[in-house]
Each structure stands twice: as structure tokens, then as C-alpha cells.
């Protein structure tokens, strides 16, 4: 397993070395908290970030698996189309925004505006989530094991939002409805795959009240 030490190196140099090292084996990258945009646009491979990551980690990810052993900065997995990003700690503002596909798992807390305009990804937060989480969601799933702050799922358009905890206030155009058997099966499969300690039947499901959110 190859290790890249990014200490005192710039983003361009580290990303070049990273792309050149993805030959079928996981690549460890350490000392990267000063780099913003690490592992951008990768189409394959597995990257393990030891320690904290900077902002925009895995932006435009198109198929790689990226794991962070501690915390991630702002906008992790921004505009991701495929692949998997797993943050073992917490993620700051704007995690998993504008994602078209793939899976993002944050095992700690996630900041404000997480999953904004989600367009098809599966986004799981096992801790608490900040304000405006899931705002303008168009497709996909947002799953929160902990609690949500104000304006949860604000102006929801399409997609499914699941939460086991409580919310400070639901956003506009939201409706709570019972879980279906398909919902429970989906949640159970995801929790098993990503080793998440949660009971699917305890979740509440939030959907759009209308397909015209700005008139509701």
C-alpha cells in the first residue's frame, strides 16, 4: 500500500502523485489538512486520508472510494456523480452538495446546508445535522440518525428524507408519512453495508408536500 506524505506540498503536486499511484491498491495520503480540492474528479481507486481533510475533498468524484479517518472540511464530495466518500469524524458546512449519485457517509455530525440540491445520491449522517439540511432536494435519499436543526428539508422538491431523531423545525413544503416496507428494507441494507448501529423502524420519513414547493 503506497503512502503519500503531503506535508509542505501543494495541491497540484499531491493530486498528480495520487492519480499516478491508483493502480489497484489503496493509497494512503497524510498531512493534507492544508489542501483544498484533494482527490478531485477521480474515476476509480481507493484513497485513505489519514487525519483531517481540507475543504472540497473528493469534489466531482466520479467513481473512487475516499475514506477520511478523522474530520473533513467544507463541501466534502461536492458535485459527486459516483463512488463513495466516508468520513469517520464530522464534516463542516455544505457536505455532499449538488451530488448526482454515489454515497456519502458521515459518521459524526454534519454542518449547515448538507445535501443541498441533492440530485440522486445517498447521504447518511450518523450524528446530528445543521440548519437547512436537504434544502431544494431533487432526488435521492438523506438519512439522519441523530437530530436536525432548523429548516430541515426546506423547499423539498423530490426524494426521501429519513430521520431517527428530532428536528428543530421542518422546512417549507414537507410532509411526514409512514415508512413503507420498501423503506425499511432499504434502510436495513444500507445500515448493514456501512455498519451503522440504527433501527430502521424508528425512523420518520419526510417527503415533499407538493411538486410545486414555492407555491405551497
N, C-alpha and C. Protein backbone atom coordinates (compact mmCIF):
# COMPACT_ATOMS: atom_id res chain seq x y z
N UNK A 1 0.85 -1.19 0.00
CA UNK A 1 0.00 0.00 0.00
C UNK A 1 0.89 1.25 0.00
N UNK A 2 0.71 2.10 -0.98
CA UNK A 2 1.54 3.28 -1.13
C UNK A 2 1.07 4.40 -0.19
N UNK A 3 2.02 5.16 0.36
CA UNK A 3 1.71 6.29 1.23
C UNK A 3 2.31 7.56 0.65
N UNK A 4 1.49 8.60 0.58
CA UNK A 4 1.95 9.91 0.11
C UNK A 4 1.89 10.87 1.28
N UNK A 5 3.03 11.48 1.61
CA UNK A 5 3.09 12.48 2.66
C UNK A 5 2.99 13.85 2.01
N UNK A 6 1.88 14.55 2.26
CA UNK A 6 1.62 15.82 1.59
C UNK A 6 2.16 17.03 2.35
N UNK A 7 2.89 16.79 3.41
CA UNK A 7 3.43 17.91 4.19
C UNK A 7 4.30 18.80 3.33
N UNK A 8 4.02 20.10 3.35
CA UNK A 8 4.78 21.11 2.61
C UNK A 8 4.66 20.97 1.10
N UNK A 9 3.68 20.20 0.61
CA UNK A 9 3.47 20.08 -0.82
C UNK A 9 2.18 20.81 -1.21
N UNK A 10 2.14 21.26 -2.47
CA UNK A 10 0.92 21.95 -2.91
C UNK A 10 -0.08 20.97 -3.50
N UNK A 11 -1.30 21.47 -3.71
CA UNK A 11 -2.39 20.62 -4.16
C UNK A 11 -2.10 19.97 -5.51
N UNK A 12 -1.60 20.73 -6.43
CA UNK A 12 -1.36 20.20 -7.78
C UNK A 12 -0.39 19.04 -7.74
N UNK A 13 0.67 19.17 -6.98
CA UNK A 13 1.67 18.11 -6.90
C UNK A 13 1.12 16.86 -6.24
N UNK A 14 0.34 17.03 -5.17
CA UNK A 14 -0.20 15.87 -4.46
C UNK A 14 -1.23 15.15 -5.31
N UNK A 15 -2.11 15.90 -5.97
CA UNK A 15 -3.11 15.26 -6.82
C UNK A 15 -2.46 14.52 -7.99
N UNK A 16 -1.39 15.07 -8.53
CA UNK A 16 -0.68 14.39 -9.62
C UNK A 16 -0.09 13.08 -9.13
N UNK A 17 0.54 13.11 -7.98
CA UNK A 17 1.10 11.88 -7.42
C UNK A 17 0.02 10.87 -7.09
N UNK A 18 -1.11 11.36 -6.59
CA UNK A 18 -2.20 10.48 -6.22
C UNK A 18 -2.75 9.76 -7.44
N UNK A 19 -3.01 10.48 -8.51
CA UNK A 19 -3.55 9.86 -9.72
C UNK A 19 -2.57 8.82 -10.29
N UNK A 20 -1.30 9.11 -10.18
CA UNK A 20 -0.30 8.19 -10.69
C UNK A 20 -0.10 6.95 -9.84
N UNK A 21 -0.69 6.95 -8.65
CA UNK A 21 -0.49 5.83 -7.71
C UNK A 21 -1.70 4.91 -7.63
N UNK A 22 -2.80 5.25 -8.28
CA UNK A 22 -4.02 4.45 -8.20
C UNK A 22 -3.95 3.29 -9.19
N UNK A 23 -3.26 2.24 -8.79
CA UNK A 23 -3.02 1.10 -9.69
C UNK A 23 -3.63 -0.19 -9.16
N UNK A 24 -4.74 -0.07 -8.46
CA UNK A 24 -5.41 -1.26 -7.95
C UNK A 24 -5.27 -1.48 -6.46
N UNK A 25 -4.36 -0.75 -5.82
CA UNK A 25 -4.17 -0.85 -4.39
C UNK A 25 -4.58 0.47 -3.72
N UNK A 26 -5.10 0.41 -2.49
CA UNK A 26 -5.43 1.66 -1.79
C UNK A 26 -4.20 2.54 -1.61
N UNK A 27 -4.40 3.84 -1.65
CA UNK A 27 -3.33 4.81 -1.47
C UNK A 27 -3.63 5.62 -0.21
N UNK A 28 -2.68 5.69 0.71
CA UNK A 28 -2.81 6.49 1.92
C UNK A 28 -2.19 7.86 1.67
N UNK A 29 -2.93 8.90 2.06
CA UNK A 29 -2.41 10.26 1.96
C UNK A 29 -2.49 10.88 3.35
N UNK A 30 -1.40 11.45 3.82
CA UNK A 30 -1.39 12.03 5.17
C UNK A 30 -0.88 13.47 5.13
N UNK A 31 -1.17 14.20 6.22
CA UNK A 31 -0.78 15.61 6.35
C UNK A 31 -1.39 16.44 5.22
N UNK A 32 -2.71 16.37 5.08
CA UNK A 32 -3.38 17.03 3.95
C UNK A 32 -4.34 18.13 4.36
N UNK A 33 -4.42 18.47 5.62
CA UNK A 33 -5.45 19.42 6.08
C UNK A 33 -5.31 20.81 5.44
N UNK A 34 -4.13 21.12 4.89
CA UNK A 34 -3.91 22.41 4.24
C UNK A 34 -4.32 22.41 2.77
N UNK A 35 -4.70 21.24 2.25
CA UNK A 35 -5.03 21.12 0.83
C UNK A 35 -6.54 21.16 0.62
N UNK A 36 -7.01 22.01 -0.28
CA UNK A 36 -8.43 22.15 -0.57
C UNK A 36 -8.68 21.73 -2.02
N UNK A 37 -9.38 20.59 -2.18
CA UNK A 37 -9.60 20.05 -3.51
C UNK A 37 -8.85 18.75 -3.74
N UNK A 38 -8.43 18.10 -2.66
CA UNK A 38 -7.72 16.83 -2.79
C UNK A 38 -8.63 15.77 -3.41
N UNK A 39 -8.04 14.93 -4.27
CA UNK A 39 -8.74 13.80 -4.89
C UNK A 39 -9.94 14.26 -5.71
N UNK A 40 -9.81 15.38 -6.37
CA UNK A 40 -10.91 15.90 -7.19
C UNK A 40 -11.04 15.12 -8.49
N UNK A 41 -12.26 14.80 -8.86
CA UNK A 41 -12.53 14.23 -10.16
C UNK A 41 -12.01 12.83 -10.41
N UNK A 42 -11.73 12.07 -9.38
CA UNK A 42 -11.23 10.71 -9.58
C UNK A 42 -12.33 9.81 -10.13
N UNK A 43 -11.94 8.88 -11.02
CA UNK A 43 -12.90 7.97 -11.63
C UNK A 43 -12.77 6.55 -11.11
N UNK A 44 -11.72 6.27 -10.37
CA UNK A 44 -11.52 4.91 -9.85
C UNK A 44 -10.52 4.97 -8.70
N UNK A 45 -10.34 3.82 -8.04
CA UNK A 45 -9.34 3.71 -7.00
C UNK A 45 -9.88 3.94 -5.61
N UNK A 46 -9.02 3.69 -4.63
CA UNK A 46 -9.36 3.89 -3.23
C UNK A 46 -8.31 4.77 -2.57
N UNK A 47 -8.77 5.81 -1.90
CA UNK A 47 -7.89 6.76 -1.23
C UNK A 47 -8.26 6.79 0.24
N UNK A 48 -7.26 6.68 1.10
CA UNK A 48 -7.45 6.77 2.54
C UNK A 48 -6.72 8.01 3.04
N UNK A 49 -7.46 8.98 3.55
CA UNK A 49 -6.87 10.19 4.10
C UNK A 49 -6.66 9.98 5.58
N UNK A 50 -5.41 9.97 6.01
CA UNK A 50 -5.10 9.82 7.43
C UNK A 50 -5.14 11.19 8.09
N UNK A 51 -5.99 11.33 9.11
CA UNK A 51 -6.12 12.60 9.80
C UNK A 51 -7.25 13.42 9.21
N UNK A 52 -7.16 14.74 9.39
CA UNK A 52 -8.19 15.65 8.91
C UNK A 52 -7.98 16.01 7.44
N UNK A 53 -9.07 16.26 6.73
CA UNK A 53 -9.01 16.70 5.34
C UNK A 53 -9.41 18.16 5.24
N UNK A 54 -8.95 18.83 4.19
CA UNK A 54 -9.32 20.22 3.95
C UNK A 54 -10.67 20.33 3.27
N UNK A 55 -10.95 21.50 2.72
CA UNK A 55 -12.22 21.75 2.04
C UNK A 55 -12.24 21.07 0.67
N UNK A 56 -13.43 20.83 0.16
CA UNK A 56 -13.65 20.30 -1.19
C UNK A 56 -12.97 18.96 -1.42
N UNK A 57 -12.85 18.15 -0.42
CA UNK A 57 -12.32 16.80 -0.62
C UNK A 57 -13.25 16.00 -1.52
N UNK A 58 -12.70 15.35 -2.53
CA UNK A 58 -13.49 14.49 -3.39
C UNK A 58 -14.50 15.21 -4.26
N UNK A 59 -14.30 16.52 -4.50
CA UNK A 59 -15.21 17.25 -5.38
C UNK A 59 -15.21 16.58 -6.76
N UNK A 60 -16.38 16.47 -7.37
CA UNK A 60 -16.54 15.86 -8.69
C UNK A 60 -16.11 14.39 -8.71
N UNK A 61 -16.16 13.73 -7.57
CA UNK A 61 -15.82 12.31 -7.55
C UNK A 61 -16.71 11.57 -8.54
N UNK A 62 -16.08 10.72 -9.37
CA UNK A 62 -16.81 10.04 -10.44
C UNK A 62 -16.65 8.53 -10.37
N UNK A 63 -16.31 8.00 -9.19
CA UNK A 63 -16.22 6.56 -9.07
C UNK A 63 -15.24 6.03 -8.04
N UNK A 64 -14.45 6.88 -7.45
CA UNK A 64 -13.47 6.44 -6.46
C UNK A 64 -14.12 6.23 -5.09
N UNK A 65 -13.42 5.48 -4.24
CA UNK A 65 -13.79 5.35 -2.84
C UNK A 65 -12.80 6.16 -2.02
N UNK A 66 -13.29 7.11 -1.26
CA UNK A 66 -12.43 8.01 -0.49
C UNK A 66 -12.85 7.91 0.98
N UNK A 67 -11.89 7.61 1.84
CA UNK A 67 -12.16 7.47 3.27
C UNK A 67 -11.29 8.45 4.05
N UNK A 68 -11.90 9.10 5.04
CA UNK A 68 -11.19 10.04 5.90
C UNK A 68 -11.22 9.50 7.32
N UNK A 69 -10.06 9.36 7.95
CA UNK A 69 -10.02 8.74 9.28
C UNK A 69 -10.45 9.70 10.38
N UNK A 70 -10.44 11.01 10.11
CA UNK A 70 -10.90 11.97 11.12
C UNK A 70 -11.98 12.86 10.54
N UNK A 71 -11.78 14.17 10.51
CA UNK A 71 -12.82 15.11 10.07
C UNK A 71 -12.54 15.65 8.68
N UNK A 72 -13.60 16.10 8.02
CA UNK A 72 -13.48 16.75 6.72
C UNK A 72 -13.91 18.20 6.83
N UNK A 73 -13.36 19.04 5.94
CA UNK A 73 -13.69 20.46 5.95
C UNK A 73 -15.01 20.74 5.24
N UNK A 74 -15.11 21.89 4.62
CA UNK A 74 -16.33 22.31 3.94
C UNK A 74 -16.45 21.62 2.58
N UNK A 75 -17.69 21.43 2.16
CA UNK A 75 -18.04 20.99 0.81
C UNK A 75 -17.43 19.63 0.43
N UNK A 76 -17.35 18.71 1.35
CA UNK A 76 -16.86 17.38 1.01
C UNK A 76 -17.79 16.75 -0.02
N UNK A 77 -17.23 16.11 -1.03
CA UNK A 77 -17.96 15.39 -2.08
C UNK A 77 -18.86 16.30 -2.91
N UNK A 78 -18.57 17.55 -2.98
CA UNK A 78 -19.37 18.50 -3.76
C UNK A 78 -19.48 18.04 -5.22
N UNK A 79 -20.68 18.02 -5.78
CA UNK A 79 -20.92 17.67 -7.18
C UNK A 79 -20.46 16.25 -7.53
N UNK A 80 -20.50 15.35 -6.60
CA UNK A 80 -20.12 13.97 -6.88
C UNK A 80 -21.15 13.31 -7.80
N UNK A 81 -20.66 12.46 -8.71
CA UNK A 81 -21.56 11.75 -9.62
C UNK A 81 -21.60 10.25 -9.35
N UNK A 82 -20.54 9.69 -8.78
CA UNK A 82 -20.49 8.26 -8.49
C UNK A 82 -19.40 8.02 -7.46
N UNK A 83 -19.37 6.78 -6.93
CA UNK A 83 -18.35 6.45 -5.94
C UNK A 83 -18.86 6.58 -4.52
N UNK A 84 -17.92 6.53 -3.58
CA UNK A 84 -18.26 6.55 -2.15
C UNK A 84 -17.27 7.44 -1.40
N UNK A 85 -17.79 8.27 -0.52
CA UNK A 85 -16.96 9.07 0.38
C UNK A 85 -17.43 8.78 1.80
N UNK A 86 -16.50 8.36 2.64
CA UNK A 86 -16.81 8.04 4.04
C UNK A 86 -15.94 8.89 4.95
N UNK A 87 -16.56 9.64 5.83
CA UNK A 87 -15.85 10.47 6.81
C UNK A 87 -16.08 9.85 8.18
N UNK A 88 -15.02 9.39 8.80
CA UNK A 88 -15.17 8.74 10.11
C UNK A 88 -15.51 9.72 11.21
N UNK A 89 -15.13 10.98 11.06
CA UNK A 89 -15.46 12.01 12.04
C UNK A 89 -16.62 12.86 11.56
N UNK A 90 -16.48 14.18 11.70
CA UNK A 90 -17.53 15.11 11.32
C UNK A 90 -17.16 15.86 10.04
N UNK A 91 -18.16 16.46 9.41
CA UNK A 91 -17.95 17.26 8.20
C UNK A 91 -18.52 18.65 8.44
N UNK A 92 -17.85 19.65 7.89
CA UNK A 92 -18.27 21.03 8.09
C UNK A 92 -19.38 21.42 7.11
N UNK A 93 -19.55 22.71 6.95
CA UNK A 93 -20.61 23.32 6.14
C UNK A 93 -20.67 22.72 4.73
N UNK A 94 -21.88 22.47 4.24
CA UNK A 94 -22.08 22.15 2.84
C UNK A 94 -21.64 20.78 2.39
N UNK A 95 -21.66 19.79 3.25
CA UNK A 95 -21.26 18.44 2.85
C UNK A 95 -22.24 17.88 1.81
N UNK A 96 -21.69 17.22 0.81
CA UNK A 96 -22.49 16.48 -0.19
C UNK A 96 -23.51 17.38 -0.89
N UNK A 97 -23.09 18.56 -1.30
CA UNK A 97 -23.99 19.43 -2.06
C UNK A 97 -23.98 19.07 -3.54
N UNK A 98 -25.12 19.22 -4.20
CA UNK A 98 -25.24 19.08 -5.65
C UNK A 98 -24.78 17.72 -6.16
N UNK A 99 -24.93 16.68 -5.39
CA UNK A 99 -24.48 15.35 -5.81
C UNK A 99 -25.51 14.71 -6.74
N UNK A 100 -25.03 14.11 -7.81
CA UNK A 100 -25.88 13.43 -8.77
C UNK A 100 -25.99 11.93 -8.49
N UNK A 101 -25.07 11.38 -7.75
CA UNK A 101 -25.08 9.95 -7.46
C UNK A 101 -24.00 9.60 -6.46
N UNK A 102 -23.86 8.30 -6.21
CA UNK A 102 -22.88 7.84 -5.24
C UNK A 102 -23.43 7.86 -3.82
N UNK A 103 -22.54 7.60 -2.87
CA UNK A 103 -22.91 7.53 -1.46
C UNK A 103 -21.92 8.33 -0.62
N UNK A 104 -22.45 9.11 0.29
CA UNK A 104 -21.64 9.85 1.26
C UNK A 104 -22.08 9.43 2.65
N UNK A 105 -21.12 9.01 3.48
CA UNK A 105 -21.41 8.62 4.86
C UNK A 105 -20.56 9.49 5.78
N UNK A 106 -21.22 10.21 6.68
CA UNK A 106 -20.52 10.99 7.71
C UNK A 106 -20.87 10.35 9.04
N UNK A 107 -19.88 9.79 9.71
CA UNK A 107 -20.15 9.05 10.94
C UNK A 107 -20.27 9.96 12.16
N UNK A 108 -19.90 11.20 12.03
CA UNK A 108 -20.08 12.17 13.09
C UNK A 108 -21.20 13.13 12.74
N UNK A 109 -21.02 14.41 13.06
CA UNK A 109 -22.00 15.44 12.74
C UNK A 109 -21.70 16.05 11.38
N UNK A 110 -22.71 16.67 10.78
CA UNK A 110 -22.54 17.39 9.52
C UNK A 110 -23.11 18.80 9.67
N UNK A 111 -22.49 19.76 9.00
CA UNK A 111 -22.84 21.16 9.19
C UNK A 111 -24.06 21.63 8.44
N UNK A 112 -24.27 22.94 8.45
CA UNK A 112 -25.40 23.55 7.76
C UNK A 112 -25.33 23.28 6.25
N UNK A 113 -26.50 23.23 5.63
CA UNK A 113 -26.65 23.08 4.18
C UNK A 113 -26.05 21.78 3.64
N UNK A 114 -25.98 20.76 4.46
CA UNK A 114 -25.62 19.43 3.98
C UNK A 114 -26.70 18.94 3.02
N UNK A 115 -26.29 18.29 1.95
CA UNK A 115 -27.20 17.68 0.96
C UNK A 115 -28.07 18.70 0.24
N UNK A 116 -27.64 19.94 0.16
CA UNK A 116 -28.38 20.93 -0.61
C UNK A 116 -28.46 20.50 -2.07
N UNK A 117 -29.64 20.56 -2.65
CA UNK A 117 -29.88 20.20 -4.05
C UNK A 117 -29.32 18.82 -4.37
N UNK A 118 -29.48 17.89 -3.47
CA UNK A 118 -29.14 16.51 -3.78
C UNK A 118 -29.93 16.07 -5.00
N UNK A 119 -29.25 15.50 -5.99
CA UNK A 119 -29.89 15.14 -7.25
C UNK A 119 -29.88 13.64 -7.51
N UNK A 120 -29.57 12.85 -6.47
CA UNK A 120 -29.62 11.41 -6.69
C UNK A 120 -28.71 10.58 -5.81
N UNK A 121 -27.95 11.20 -4.93
CA UNK A 121 -27.03 10.47 -4.07
C UNK A 121 -27.74 9.95 -2.83
N UNK A 122 -27.08 8.99 -2.17
CA UNK A 122 -27.49 8.53 -0.84
C UNK A 122 -26.55 9.17 0.16
N UNK A 123 -27.08 9.95 1.08
CA UNK A 123 -26.28 10.71 2.04
C UNK A 123 -26.71 10.30 3.43
N UNK A 124 -25.77 9.78 4.21
CA UNK A 124 -26.06 9.28 5.55
C UNK A 124 -25.24 10.04 6.58
N UNK A 125 -25.88 10.57 7.59
CA UNK A 125 -25.20 11.24 8.70
C UNK A 125 -25.60 10.51 9.97
N UNK A 126 -24.63 9.93 10.66
CA UNK A 126 -24.97 9.15 11.85
C UNK A 126 -25.06 10.00 13.11
N UNK A 127 -24.58 11.23 13.05
CA UNK A 127 -24.71 12.16 14.17
C UNK A 127 -25.82 13.16 13.90
N UNK A 128 -25.61 14.39 14.35
CA UNK A 128 -26.58 15.47 14.14
C UNK A 128 -26.25 16.25 12.87
N UNK A 129 -27.23 16.96 12.36
CA UNK A 129 -27.05 17.70 11.13
C UNK A 129 -27.52 19.14 11.34
N UNK A 130 -26.87 20.09 10.63
CA UNK A 130 -27.13 21.50 10.87
C UNK A 130 -28.37 22.05 10.17
N UNK A 131 -28.44 23.36 10.10
CA UNK A 131 -29.58 24.05 9.51
C UNK A 131 -29.64 23.83 7.99
N UNK A 132 -30.86 23.90 7.47
CA UNK A 132 -31.11 23.84 6.02
C UNK A 132 -30.58 22.56 5.38
N UNK A 133 -30.51 21.49 6.12
CA UNK A 133 -30.07 20.21 5.54
C UNK A 133 -31.13 19.70 4.57
N UNK A 134 -30.69 19.28 3.40
CA UNK A 134 -31.61 18.76 2.41
C UNK A 134 -32.42 19.82 1.68
N UNK A 135 -32.01 21.07 1.76
CA UNK A 135 -32.73 22.15 1.08
C UNK A 135 -32.73 21.94 -0.44
N UNK A 136 -33.87 22.14 -1.06
CA UNK A 136 -34.04 22.00 -2.52
C UNK A 136 -33.67 20.62 -3.04
N UNK A 137 -33.82 19.59 -2.24
CA UNK A 137 -33.51 18.24 -2.73
C UNK A 137 -34.40 17.89 -3.91
N UNK A 138 -33.77 17.30 -4.94
CA UNK A 138 -34.46 16.96 -6.17
C UNK A 138 -34.64 15.46 -6.37
N UNK A 139 -33.80 14.67 -5.69
CA UNK A 139 -33.84 13.22 -5.87
C UNK A 139 -32.89 12.62 -4.84
N UNK A 140 -32.96 11.31 -4.66
CA UNK A 140 -32.04 10.62 -3.77
C UNK A 140 -32.56 10.52 -2.35
N UNK A 141 -31.66 10.14 -1.45
CA UNK A 141 -32.03 9.90 -0.05
C UNK A 141 -31.09 10.65 0.89
N UNK A 142 -31.65 11.28 1.89
CA UNK A 142 -30.89 11.83 3.01
C UNK A 142 -31.34 11.12 4.26
N UNK A 143 -30.39 10.51 4.98
CA UNK A 143 -30.70 9.70 6.15
C UNK A 143 -29.93 10.27 7.34
N UNK A 144 -30.63 10.64 8.39
CA UNK A 144 -30.01 11.25 9.57
C UNK A 144 -30.35 10.39 10.79
N UNK A 145 -29.33 9.88 11.45
CA UNK A 145 -29.55 9.05 12.64
C UNK A 145 -29.77 9.92 13.88
N UNK A 146 -29.14 11.08 13.92
CA UNK A 146 -29.28 11.99 15.05
C UNK A 146 -30.40 12.99 14.86
N UNK A 147 -30.16 14.23 15.31
CA UNK A 147 -31.15 15.30 15.24
C UNK A 147 -30.83 16.29 14.13
N UNK A 148 -31.82 17.07 13.72
CA UNK A 148 -31.64 18.09 12.69
C UNK A 148 -31.99 19.46 13.24
N UNK A 149 -31.29 20.47 12.76
CA UNK A 149 -31.56 21.85 13.17
C UNK A 149 -32.72 22.43 12.35
N UNK A 150 -32.84 23.74 12.32
CA UNK A 150 -33.99 24.41 11.72
C UNK A 150 -34.03 24.26 10.19
N UNK A 151 -35.23 24.38 9.66
CA UNK A 151 -35.50 24.32 8.22
C UNK A 151 -35.01 23.03 7.60
N UNK A 152 -35.28 21.95 8.26
CA UNK A 152 -34.90 20.63 7.77
C UNK A 152 -35.69 20.31 6.51
N UNK A 153 -35.00 19.91 5.45
CA UNK A 153 -35.60 19.57 4.15
C UNK A 153 -36.38 20.75 3.57
N UNK A 154 -35.86 21.94 3.71
CA UNK A 154 -36.56 23.15 3.28
C UNK A 154 -36.79 23.16 1.76
N UNK A 155 -38.01 23.49 1.36
CA UNK A 155 -38.39 23.51 -0.05
C UNK A 155 -38.04 22.20 -0.75
N UNK A 156 -38.35 21.12 -0.09
CA UNK A 156 -38.14 19.79 -0.66
C UNK A 156 -38.94 19.66 -1.96
N UNK A 157 -38.28 19.16 -3.00
CA UNK A 157 -38.93 19.02 -4.30
C UNK A 157 -39.26 17.56 -4.59
N UNK A 158 -38.25 16.70 -4.51
CA UNK A 158 -38.44 15.26 -4.64
C UNK A 158 -37.39 14.56 -3.79
N UNK A 159 -37.45 13.25 -3.74
CA UNK A 159 -36.52 12.48 -2.93
C UNK A 159 -37.11 12.14 -1.58
N UNK A 160 -36.33 11.40 -0.79
CA UNK A 160 -36.79 10.94 0.52
C UNK A 160 -35.81 11.39 1.61
N UNK A 161 -36.36 11.84 2.71
CA UNK A 161 -35.56 12.23 3.87
C UNK A 161 -36.02 11.36 5.04
N UNK A 162 -35.05 10.72 5.69
CA UNK A 162 -35.34 9.85 6.84
C UNK A 162 -34.57 10.37 8.05
N UNK A 163 -35.22 10.37 9.21
CA UNK A 163 -34.54 10.82 10.42
C UNK A 163 -35.05 10.03 11.62
N UNK A 164 -34.09 9.60 12.45
CA UNK A 164 -34.45 8.86 13.67
C UNK A 164 -34.62 9.79 14.85
N UNK A 165 -33.95 10.93 14.84
CA UNK A 165 -34.03 11.88 15.95
C UNK A 165 -35.14 12.89 15.75
N UNK A 166 -34.92 14.09 16.28
CA UNK A 166 -35.91 15.16 16.20
C UNK A 166 -35.37 16.30 15.35
N UNK A 167 -36.25 17.18 14.94
CA UNK A 167 -35.84 18.37 14.20
C UNK A 167 -36.30 19.61 14.95
N UNK A 168 -35.51 20.69 14.82
CA UNK A 168 -35.89 21.94 15.46
C UNK A 168 -37.11 22.55 14.76
N UNK A 169 -37.14 22.47 13.44
CA UNK A 169 -38.29 22.94 12.66
C UNK A 169 -38.17 22.39 11.25
N UNK A 170 -39.27 21.86 10.74
CA UNK A 170 -39.29 21.41 9.35
C UNK A 170 -39.35 22.61 8.42
N UNK A 171 -38.77 22.43 7.23
CA UNK A 171 -38.82 23.49 6.22
C UNK A 171 -40.14 23.52 5.48
N UNK A 172 -40.23 24.41 4.50
CA UNK A 172 -41.42 24.54 3.67
C UNK A 172 -41.62 23.31 2.79
N UNK A 173 -42.84 23.06 2.46
CA UNK A 173 -43.21 22.00 1.51
C UNK A 173 -42.79 20.61 1.97
N UNK A 174 -43.00 20.30 3.22
CA UNK A 174 -42.66 18.99 3.75
C UNK A 174 -43.88 18.31 4.35
N UNK A 175 -43.85 16.99 4.30
CA UNK A 175 -44.93 16.20 4.89
C UNK A 175 -44.32 14.93 5.47
N UNK A 176 -44.75 14.57 6.66
CA UNK A 176 -44.29 13.33 7.30
C UNK A 176 -45.27 12.23 6.96
N UNK A 177 -44.73 11.10 6.48
CA UNK A 177 -45.61 9.98 6.15
C UNK A 177 -45.01 8.68 6.69
N UNK A 178 -45.81 7.64 6.83
CA UNK A 178 -45.31 6.38 7.40
C UNK A 178 -44.28 5.71 6.49
N UNK A 179 -43.38 4.98 7.12
CA UNK A 179 -42.43 4.17 6.36
C UNK A 179 -43.17 3.04 5.66
N UNK A 180 -42.71 2.72 4.47
CA UNK A 180 -43.21 1.54 3.77
C UNK A 180 -42.27 0.36 4.04
N UNK A 181 -42.71 -0.82 3.66
CA UNK A 181 -41.82 -1.99 3.77
C UNK A 181 -40.57 -1.79 2.93
N UNK A 182 -40.72 -1.15 1.78
CA UNK A 182 -39.56 -0.89 0.92
C UNK A 182 -38.57 0.06 1.59
N UNK A 183 -39.08 1.06 2.31
CA UNK A 183 -38.21 1.97 3.05
C UNK A 183 -37.40 1.21 4.10
N UNK A 184 -38.06 0.37 4.87
CA UNK A 184 -37.39 -0.38 5.93
C UNK A 184 -36.33 -1.30 5.33
N UNK A 185 -36.66 -1.96 4.24
CA UNK A 185 -35.69 -2.85 3.59
C UNK A 185 -34.48 -2.07 3.09
N UNK A 186 -34.72 -0.91 2.51
CA UNK A 186 -33.62 -0.07 2.01
C UNK A 186 -32.72 0.39 3.15
N UNK A 187 -33.32 0.89 4.22
CA UNK A 187 -32.53 1.37 5.35
C UNK A 187 -31.74 0.23 5.99
N UNK A 188 -32.37 -0.91 6.15
CA UNK A 188 -31.68 -2.04 6.76
C UNK A 188 -30.46 -2.46 5.93
N UNK A 189 -30.60 -2.47 4.61
CA UNK A 189 -29.49 -2.85 3.74
C UNK A 189 -28.35 -1.84 3.84
N UNK A 190 -28.67 -0.55 3.86
CA UNK A 190 -27.63 0.48 3.98
C UNK A 190 -26.92 0.41 5.32
N UNK A 191 -27.69 0.22 6.40
CA UNK A 191 -27.08 0.16 7.72
C UNK A 191 -26.18 -1.06 7.86
N UNK A 192 -26.57 -2.16 7.24
CA UNK A 192 -25.72 -3.33 7.26
C UNK A 192 -24.46 -3.13 6.45
N UNK A 193 -24.59 -2.55 5.28
CA UNK A 193 -23.44 -2.35 4.39
C UNK A 193 -22.41 -1.42 5.02
N UNK A 194 -22.86 -0.35 5.67
CA UNK A 194 -21.93 0.65 6.21
C UNK A 194 -21.77 0.55 7.73
N UNK A 195 -22.23 -0.55 8.29
CA UNK A 195 -22.04 -0.85 9.72
C UNK A 195 -22.53 0.30 10.60
N UNK A 196 -23.78 0.67 10.39
CA UNK A 196 -24.39 1.75 11.15
C UNK A 196 -25.35 1.15 12.17
N UNK A 197 -25.17 1.53 13.42
CA UNK A 197 -25.98 0.99 14.51
C UNK A 197 -27.27 1.81 14.64
N UNK A 198 -28.28 1.42 13.88
CA UNK A 198 -29.55 2.12 13.92
C UNK A 198 -30.66 1.14 13.57
N UNK A 199 -31.86 1.41 14.07
CA UNK A 199 -33.01 0.54 13.84
C UNK A 199 -33.92 1.19 12.81
N UNK A 200 -34.07 0.61 11.63
CA UNK A 200 -34.84 1.25 10.55
C UNK A 200 -36.26 1.64 10.94
N UNK A 201 -36.93 0.84 11.73
CA UNK A 201 -38.33 1.10 12.05
C UNK A 201 -38.54 2.31 12.97
N UNK A 202 -37.46 2.85 13.54
CA UNK A 202 -37.58 4.03 14.40
C UNK A 202 -37.51 5.34 13.62
N UNK A 203 -37.28 5.26 12.32
CA UNK A 203 -37.12 6.47 11.52
C UNK A 203 -38.45 7.05 11.08
N UNK A 204 -38.46 8.37 10.91
CA UNK A 204 -39.59 9.07 10.32
C UNK A 204 -39.23 9.44 8.88
N UNK A 205 -40.21 9.43 8.02
CA UNK A 205 -39.98 9.71 6.60
C UNK A 205 -40.60 11.05 6.23
N UNK A 206 -39.82 11.90 5.56
CA UNK A 206 -40.28 13.21 5.15
C UNK A 206 -40.24 13.28 3.63
N UNK A 207 -41.33 13.69 3.03
CA UNK A 207 -41.43 13.82 1.58
C UNK A 207 -41.98 15.20 1.24
N UNK A 208 -41.97 15.51 -0.05
CA UNK A 208 -42.50 16.80 -0.49
C UNK A 208 -44.01 16.82 -0.38
N UNK A 209 -44.54 17.91 0.14
CA UNK A 209 -46.00 18.05 0.23
C UNK A 209 -46.61 18.35 -1.13
N UNK A 210 -45.83 18.98 -2.02
CA UNK A 210 -46.33 19.35 -3.34
C UNK A 210 -45.18 19.34 -4.32
N UNK A 211 -45.46 19.11 -5.58
CA UNK A 211 -44.42 19.19 -6.61
C UNK A 211 -44.12 20.63 -7.00
N UNK A 212 -44.84 21.56 -6.43
CA UNK A 212 -44.62 22.99 -6.66
C UNK A 212 -44.30 23.66 -5.32
N UNK A 213 -43.08 23.44 -4.81
CA UNK A 213 -42.76 23.87 -3.44
C UNK A 213 -42.86 25.36 -3.18
N UNK A 214 -42.68 26.19 -4.20
CA UNK A 214 -42.67 27.62 -3.96
C UNK A 214 -44.08 28.21 -3.92
N UNK A 215 -45.08 27.34 -4.15
CA UNK A 215 -46.46 27.80 -4.10
C UNK A 215 -47.22 27.16 -2.95
N UNK A 216 -46.49 26.40 -2.13
CA UNK A 216 -47.15 25.67 -1.04
C UNK A 216 -46.96 26.40 0.29
